[in-house]
PDB file of N, CA and C in Angstrom:
ATOM      1  N   MET A   1      31.198  -2.716   1.168  1.00  0.00           N
ATOM      2  CA  MET A   1      30.112  -3.405   2.169  1.00  0.00           C
ATOM      3  C   MET A   1      30.068  -4.935   1.503  1.00  0.00           C
ATOM      4  N   PRO A   2      30.052  -5.823   1.976  1.00  0.00           N
ATOM      5  CA  PRO A   2      30.531  -7.413   1.720  1.00  0.00           C
ATOM      6  C   PRO A   2      28.995  -7.673   1.517  1.00  0.00           C
ATOM      7  N   ALA A   3      28.215  -8.436   0.491  1.00  0.00           N
ATOM      8  CA  ALA A   3      27.236  -8.887   0.336  1.00  0.00           C
ATOM      9  C   ALA A   3      26.550  -9.700   0.868  1.00  0.00           C
ATOM     10  N   SER A   4      27.282  -9.929   2.074  1.00  0.00           N
ATOM     11  CA  SER A   4      26.298 -11.119   3.085  1.00  0.00           C
ATOM     12  C   SER A   4      25.744  -9.586   4.000  1.00  0.00           C
ATOM     13  N   LYS A   5      26.350  -8.989   4.338  1.00  0.00           N
ATOM     14  CA  LYS A   5      25.904  -7.946   4.722  1.00  0.00           C
ATOM     15  C   LYS A   5      24.968  -6.685   4.533  1.00  0.00           C
ATOM     16  N   PHE A   6      25.168  -7.092   3.201  1.00  0.00           N
ATOM     17  CA  PHE A   6      24.166  -6.376   2.447  1.00  0.00           C
ATOM     18  C   PHE A   6      22.246  -6.000   3.276  1.00  0.00           C
ATOM     19  N   GLN A   7      21.845  -4.756   3.030  1.00  0.00           N
ATOM     20  CA  GLN A   7      20.056  -4.703   3.502  1.00  0.00           C
ATOM     21  C   GLN A   7      19.533  -3.498   2.324  1.00  0.00           C
ATOM     22  N   VAL A   8      18.659  -4.327   1.819  1.00  0.00           N
ATOM     23  CA  VAL A   8      18.454  -3.313   0.858  1.00  0.00           C
ATOM     24  C   VAL A   8      17.253  -1.797   1.398  1.00  0.00           C
ATOM     25  N   PRO A   9      17.535  -0.631   0.993  1.00  0.00           N
ATOM     26  CA  PRO A   9      17.633   0.328   1.431  1.00  0.00           C
ATOM     27  C   PRO A   9      16.014   0.795   0.971  1.00  0.00           C
ATOM     28  N   LYS A  10      15.736  -0.160   2.386  1.00  0.00           N
ATOM     29  CA  LYS A  10      14.071  -0.271   1.458  1.00  0.00           C
ATOM     30  C   LYS A  10      13.129   1.023   2.116  1.00  0.00           C
ATOM     31  N   GLN A  11      13.122   1.667   3.306  1.00  0.00           N
ATOM     32  CA  GLN A  11      12.844   3.542   3.259  1.00  0.00           C
ATOM     33  C   GLN A  11      12.557   3.621   2.157  1.00  0.00           C
ATOM     34  N   SER A  12      14.362   3.780   1.992  1.00  0.00           N
ATOM     35  CA  SER A  12      14.404   4.623   0.518  1.00  0.00           C
ATOM     36  C   SER A  12      13.516   4.550  -0.195  1.00  0.00           C
ATOM     37  N   ILE A  13      13.448   3.316  -1.025  1.00  0.00           N
ATOM     38  CA  ILE A  13      13.095   2.656  -1.621  1.00  0.00           C
ATOM     39  C   ILE A  13      11.638   3.199  -2.086  1.00  0.00           C
ATOM     40  N   SER A  14      11.459   2.210  -0.285  1.00  0.00           N
ATOM     41  CA  SER A  14       9.840   3.309  -0.647  1.00  0.00           C
ATOM     42  C   SER A  14       9.423   4.871  -0.498  1.00  0.00           C
ATOM     43  N   TRP A  15       9.863   5.522  -0.044  1.00  0.00           N
ATOM     44  CA  TRP A  15       9.761   6.737   0.006  1.00  0.00           C
ATOM     45  C   TRP A  15       9.750   7.360  -1.687  1.00  0.00           C
ATOM     46  N   LEU A  16      10.740   6.347  -2.513  1.00  0.00           N
ATOM     47  CA  LEU A  16      10.572   6.714  -3.759  1.00  0.00           C
ATOM     48  C   LEU A  16       9.784   6.595  -4.879  1.00  0.00           C
ATOM     49  N   LEU A  17       9.732   5.348  -4.257  1.00  0.00           N
ATOM     50  CA  LEU A  17       7.605   5.316  -5.272  1.00  0.00           C
ATOM     51  C   LEU A  17       6.967   5.762  -4.346  1.00  0.00           C
ATOM     52  N   GLY A  18       6.518   5.539  -3.039  1.00  0.00           N
ATOM     53  CA  GLY A  18       5.604   6.870  -2.986  1.00  0.00           C
ATOM     54  C   GLY A  18       5.092   7.727  -3.797  1.00  0.00           C
ATOM     55  N   ARG A  19       6.177   8.586  -4.645  1.00  0.00           N
ATOM     56  CA  ARG A  19       6.227   9.252  -5.354  1.00  0.00           C
ATOM     57  C   ARG A  19       5.976   9.130  -6.499  1.00  0.00           C
ATOM     58  N   VAL A  20       5.835   7.685  -7.170  1.00  0.00           N
ATOM     59  CA  VAL A  20       5.746   7.605  -8.137  1.00  0.00           C
ATOM     60  C   VAL A  20       4.576   6.850  -8.713  1.00  0.00           C
ATOM     61  N   HIS A  21       3.694   7.752 -10.065  1.00  0.00           N
ATOM     62  CA  HIS A  21       2.566   7.405 -10.099  1.00  0.00           C
ATOM     63  C   HIS A  21       2.026   5.787 -10.692  1.00  0.00           C
ATOM     64  N   VAL A  22       1.049   5.173 -10.369  1.00  0.00           N
ATOM     65  CA  VAL A  22       0.526   3.891 -10.319  1.00  0.00           C
ATOM     66  C   VAL A  22       0.751   3.824 -11.883  1.00  0.00           C
ATOM     67  N   SER A  23       0.657   4.517 -13.133  1.00  0.00           N
ATOM     68  CA  SER A  23       1.202   4.186 -14.294  1.00  0.00           C
ATOM     69  C   SER A  23       1.787   3.994 -14.772  1.00  0.00           C
ATOM     70  N   THR A  24       3.748   4.377 -13.951  1.00  0.00           N
ATOM     71  CA  THR A  24       4.842   4.557 -14.482  1.00  0.00           C
ATOM     72  C   THR A  24       4.883   3.057 -15.248  1.00  0.00           C
ATOM     73  N   PRO A  25       5.710   2.977 -16.161  1.00  0.00           N
ATOM     74  CA  PRO A  25       6.072   1.433 -16.353  1.00  0.00           C
ATOM     75  C   PRO A  25       7.772   0.785 -15.687  1.00  0.00           C
ATOM     76  N   ASP A  26       7.024  -0.282 -15.001  1.00  0.00           N
ATOM     77  CA  ASP A  26       8.242  -1.101 -14.765  1.00  0.00           C
ATOM     78  C   ASP A  26       9.274  -0.503 -15.416  1.00  0.00           C
ATOM     79  N   SER A  27       9.475  -0.398 -16.623  1.00  0.00           N
ATOM     80  CA  SER A  27      10.477  -0.340 -17.561  1.00  0.00           C
ATOM     81  C   SER A  27      11.805   0.711 -16.606  1.00  0.00           C
ATOM     82  N   GLU A  28      10.905   1.953 -16.342  1.00  0.00           N
ATOM     83  CA  GLU A  28      11.004   3.732 -15.878  1.00  0.00           C
ATOM     84  C   GLU A  28      11.077   2.842 -14.632  1.00  0.00           C
ATOM     85  N   VAL A  29      10.480   2.756 -13.628  1.00  0.00           N
ATOM     86  CA  VAL A  29      11.054   2.282 -12.325  1.00  0.00           C
ATOM     87  C   VAL A  29      12.368   1.682 -12.209  1.00  0.00           C
ATOM     88  N   GLU A  30      12.228   0.670 -12.890  1.00  0.00           N
ATOM     89  CA  GLU A  30      13.857  -0.453 -12.843  1.00  0.00           C
ATOM     90  C   GLU A  30      14.945   0.553 -12.950  1.00  0.00           C
ATOM     91  N   ALA A  31      14.947   1.254 -14.185  1.00  0.00           N
ATOM     92  CA  ALA A  31      16.034   2.286 -14.304  1.00  0.00           C
ATOM     93  C   ALA A  31      16.138   3.556 -13.964  1.00  0.00           C
ATOM     94  N   ASP A  32      14.874   3.354 -12.726  1.00  0.00           N
ATOM     95  CA  ASP A  32      15.529   4.482 -11.502  1.00  0.00           C
ATOM     96  C   ASP A  32      16.412   3.663 -11.343  1.00  0.00           C
ATOM     97  N   ILE A  33      15.661   2.985 -10.473  1.00  0.00           N
ATOM     98  CA  ILE A  33      16.404   2.114  -9.360  1.00  0.00           C
ATOM     99  C   ILE A  33      18.089   1.451  -9.338  1.00  0.00           C
ATOM    100  N   ARG A  34      18.258   1.109 -10.554  1.00  0.00           N
ATOM    101  CA  ARG A  34      19.340   0.548 -11.180  1.00  0.00           C
ATOM    102  C   ARG A  34      20.289   2.072 -11.070  1.00  0.00           C
ATOM    103  N   ARG A  35      20.221   2.700 -11.737  1.00  0.00           N
ATOM    104  CA  ARG A  35      20.922   4.627 -12.067  1.00  0.00           C
ATOM    105  C   ARG A  35      21.176   4.911 -10.875  1.00  0.00           C
ATOM    106  N   ARG A  36      20.103   5.037  -9.658  1.00  0.00           N
ATOM    107  CA  ARG A  36      20.797   5.245  -8.226  1.00  0.00           C
ATOM    108  C   ARG A  36      21.189   4.430  -7.126  1.00  0.00           C
ATOM    109  N   CYS A  37      21.695   2.988  -7.387  1.00  0.00           N
ATOM    110  CA  CYS A  37      22.587   1.797  -7.782  1.00  0.00           C
ATOM    111  C   CYS A  37      23.401   1.503  -7.741  1.00  0.00           C
ATOM    112  N   SER A  38      23.372   2.975  -8.763  1.00  0.00           N
ATOM    113  CA  SER A  38      25.007   2.094  -9.482  1.00  0.00           C
ATOM    114  C   SER A  38      26.220   1.286  -8.626  1.00  0.00           C
ATOM    115  N   ALA A  39      26.521   1.869  -7.773  1.00  0.00           N
ATOM    116  CA  ALA A  39      27.988   1.826  -6.615  1.00  0.00           C
ATOM    117  C   ALA A  39      27.903   0.688  -6.196  1.00  0.00           C
ATOM    118  N   LEU A  40      26.605   0.037  -6.546  1.00  0.00           N
ATOM    119  CA  LEU A  40      26.537  -1.397  -6.432  1.00  0.00           C
ATOM    120  C   LEU A  40      26.973  -3.070  -6.758  1.00  0.00           C
ATOM    121  N   THR A  41      26.829  -3.555  -6.289  1.00  0.00           N
ATOM    122  CA  THR A  41      27.267  -4.601  -6.914  1.00  0.00           C
ATOM    123  C   THR A  41      26.003  -5.469  -7.545  1.00  0.00           C
ATOM    124  N   PRO A  42      26.195  -6.175  -8.750  1.00  0.00           N
ATOM    125  CA  PRO A  42      24.876  -6.208  -9.685  1.00  0.00           C
ATOM    126  C   PRO A  42      23.685  -7.327  -9.369  1.00  0.00           C
ATOM    127  N   ALA A  43      24.862  -8.422  -7.681  1.00  0.00           N
ATOM    128  CA  ALA A  43      23.527  -8.423  -7.413  1.00  0.00           C
ATOM    129  C   ALA A  43      22.557  -7.678  -5.676  1.00  0.00           C
ATOM    130  N   GLN A  44      23.905  -6.245  -6.043  1.00  0.00           N
ATOM    131  CA  GLN A  44      22.753  -5.679  -4.628  1.00  0.00           C
ATOM    132  C   GLN A  44      21.317  -5.174  -5.114  1.00  0.00           C
ATOM    133  N   ARG A  45      22.278  -4.843  -6.244  1.00  0.00           N
ATOM    134  CA  ARG A  45      21.254  -3.921  -7.697  1.00  0.00           C
ATOM    135  C   ARG A  45      19.615  -4.951  -7.418  1.00  0.00           C
ATOM    136  N   ASN A  46      19.952  -5.570  -7.855  1.00  0.00           N
ATOM    137  CA  ASN A  46      19.363  -6.706  -8.764  1.00  0.00           C
ATOM    138  C   ASN A  46      18.497  -7.069  -7.338  1.00  0.00           C
ATOM    139  N   ALA A  47      18.703  -6.857  -5.843  1.00  0.00           N
ATOM    140  CA  ALA A  47      17.589  -7.000  -4.626  1.00  0.00           C
ATOM    141  C   ALA A  47      16.761  -5.841  -4.612  1.00  0.00           C
ATOM    142  N   CYS A  48      17.495  -5.037  -5.029  1.00  0.00           N
ATOM    143  CA  CYS A  48      17.050  -2.851  -4.903  1.00  0.00           C
ATOM    144  C   CYS A  48      15.112  -3.255  -5.970  1.00  0.00           C
ATOM    145  N   VAL A  49      16.243  -3.923  -7.350  1.00  0.00           N
ATOM    146  CA  VAL A  49      14.877  -3.105  -8.334  1.00  0.00           C
ATOM    147  C   VAL A  49      13.852  -4.052  -7.856  1.00  0.00           C
ATOM    148  N   LYS A  50      14.374  -5.329  -7.015  1.00  0.00           N
ATOM    149  CA  LYS A  50      13.401  -6.242  -6.873  1.00  0.00           C
ATOM    150  C   LYS A  50      12.567  -5.952  -5.893  1.00  0.00           C
ATOM    151  N   TYR A  51      12.785  -5.701  -4.270  1.00  0.00           N
ATOM    152  CA  TYR A  51      11.753  -4.021  -3.667  1.00  0.00           C
ATOM    153  C   TYR A  51      11.359  -3.700  -4.342  1.00  0.00           C
ATOM    154  N   ALA A  52      11.969  -2.914  -5.342  1.00  0.00           N
ATOM    155  CA  ALA A  52      11.145  -1.478  -6.234  1.00  0.00           C
ATOM    156  C   ALA A  52       9.935  -1.984  -6.462  1.00  0.00           C
ATOM    157  N   LEU A  53      10.252  -2.985  -7.209  1.00  0.00           N
ATOM    158  CA  LEU A  53       9.554  -3.408  -8.192  1.00  0.00           C
ATOM    159  C   LEU A  53       7.994  -4.185  -7.228  1.00  0.00           C
ATOM    160  N   LYS A  54       8.540  -4.431  -6.138  1.00  0.00           N
ATOM    161  CA  LYS A  54       6.812  -4.651  -5.544  1.00  0.00           C
ATOM    162  C   LYS A  54       6.770  -4.281  -5.091  1.00  0.00           C
ATOM    163  N   CYS A  55       7.120  -2.715  -4.335  1.00  0.00           N
ATOM    164  CA  CYS A  55       6.266  -1.375  -3.965  1.00  0.00           C
ATOM    165  C   CYS A  55       5.275  -0.785  -4.697  1.00  0.00           C
ATOM    166  N   HIS A  56       5.939  -1.065  -6.454  1.00  0.00           N
ATOM    167  CA  HIS A  56       5.456  -0.228  -7.227  1.00  0.00           C
ATOM    168  C   HIS A  56       3.814  -1.027  -7.377  1.00  0.00           C
ATOM    169  N   ARG A  57       4.161  -2.572  -7.248  1.00  0.00           N
ATOM    170  CA  ARG A  57       3.360  -3.099  -7.086  1.00  0.00           C
ATOM    171  C   ARG A  57       1.645  -2.673  -6.330  1.00  0.00           C
ATOM    172  N   ASP A  58       2.576  -2.601  -5.305  1.00  0.00           N
ATOM    173  CA  ASP A  58       1.536  -2.863  -3.842  1.00  0.00           C
ATOM    174  C   ASP A  58       0.614  -1.658  -3.404  1.00  0.00           C
ATOM    175  N   ASN A  59       1.702  -0.441  -4.309  1.00  0.00           N
ATOM    176  CA  ASN A  59       0.947   1.466  -4.407  1.00  0.00           C
ATOM    177  C   ASN A  59      -0.137   1.030  -5.605  1.00  0.00           C
ATOM    178  N   GLN A  60       0.405   0.270  -6.380  1.00  0.00           N
ATOM    179  CA  GLN A  60      -1.080  -0.155  -7.916  1.00  0.00           C
ATOM    180  C   GLN A  60      -2.258  -1.123  -7.394  1.00  0.00           C
ATOM    181  N   ALA A  61      -2.044  -1.746  -6.249  1.00  0.00           N
ATOM    182  CA  ALA A  61      -2.642  -2.336  -5.554  1.00  0.00           C
ATOM    183  C   ALA A  61      -3.888  -1.492  -4.740  1.00  0.00           C
ATOM    184  N   LEU A  62      -2.971  -0.951  -4.383  1.00  0.00           N
ATOM    185  CA  LEU A  62      -3.942   0.490  -2.941  1.00  0.00           C
ATOM    186  C   LEU A  62      -4.441   0.730  -4.193  1.00  0.00           C
ATOM    187  N   PHE A  63      -3.719   1.622  -4.894  1.00  0.00           N
ATOM    188  CA  PHE A  63      -4.944   2.264  -6.432  1.00  0.00           C
ATOM    189  C   PHE A  63      -6.090   1.822  -6.719  1.00  0.00           C
ATOM    190  N   ASN A  64      -5.794   0.542  -7.076  1.00  0.00           N
ATOM    191  CA  ASN A  64      -7.185   0.202  -7.323  1.00  0.00           C
ATOM    192  C   ASN A  64      -7.551  -0.280  -6.914  1.00  0.00           C
ATOM    193  N   ARG A  65      -7.576  -0.681  -5.713  1.00  0.00           N
ATOM    194  CA  ARG A  65      -8.747  -1.461  -4.435  1.00  0.00           C
ATOM    195  C   ARG A  65      -9.781   0.067  -3.760  1.00  0.00           C
ATOM    196  N   TYR A  66      -8.955   1.506  -4.053  1.00  0.00           N
ATOM    197  CA  TYR A  66      -9.969   2.460  -3.067  1.00  0.00           C
ATOM    198  C   TYR A  66     -10.014   3.655  -4.541  1.00  0.00           C
ATOM    199  N   HIS A  67      -9.106   3.249  -6.157  1.00  0.00           N
ATOM    200  CA  HIS A  67     -10.061   4.116  -6.945  1.00  0.00           C
ATOM    201  C   HIS A  67     -11.763   3.995  -7.431  1.00  0.00           C
ATOM    202  N   PHE A  68     -12.400   4.867  -7.384  1.00  0.00           N
ATOM    203  CA  PHE A  68     -13.385   4.648  -7.164  1.00  0.00           C
ATOM    204  C   PHE A  68     -13.813   5.237  -8.886  1.00  0.00           C
TER     205      PHE A  68
END
């Protein structure tokens, strides 16, 4: 897949991160995404990791907002 046509698989990553506990360390999230995206180029993997960490942050913020 040409780098210019690559799109981060947002739906898949969002689904995966929706099943990760908010207290999971970033390093574990990153390692899991890198393992799952091992067939991609380094730049594509980095884009996937960046999006995954953003999803993880969003989930943490949501938890902190509504946790009683």
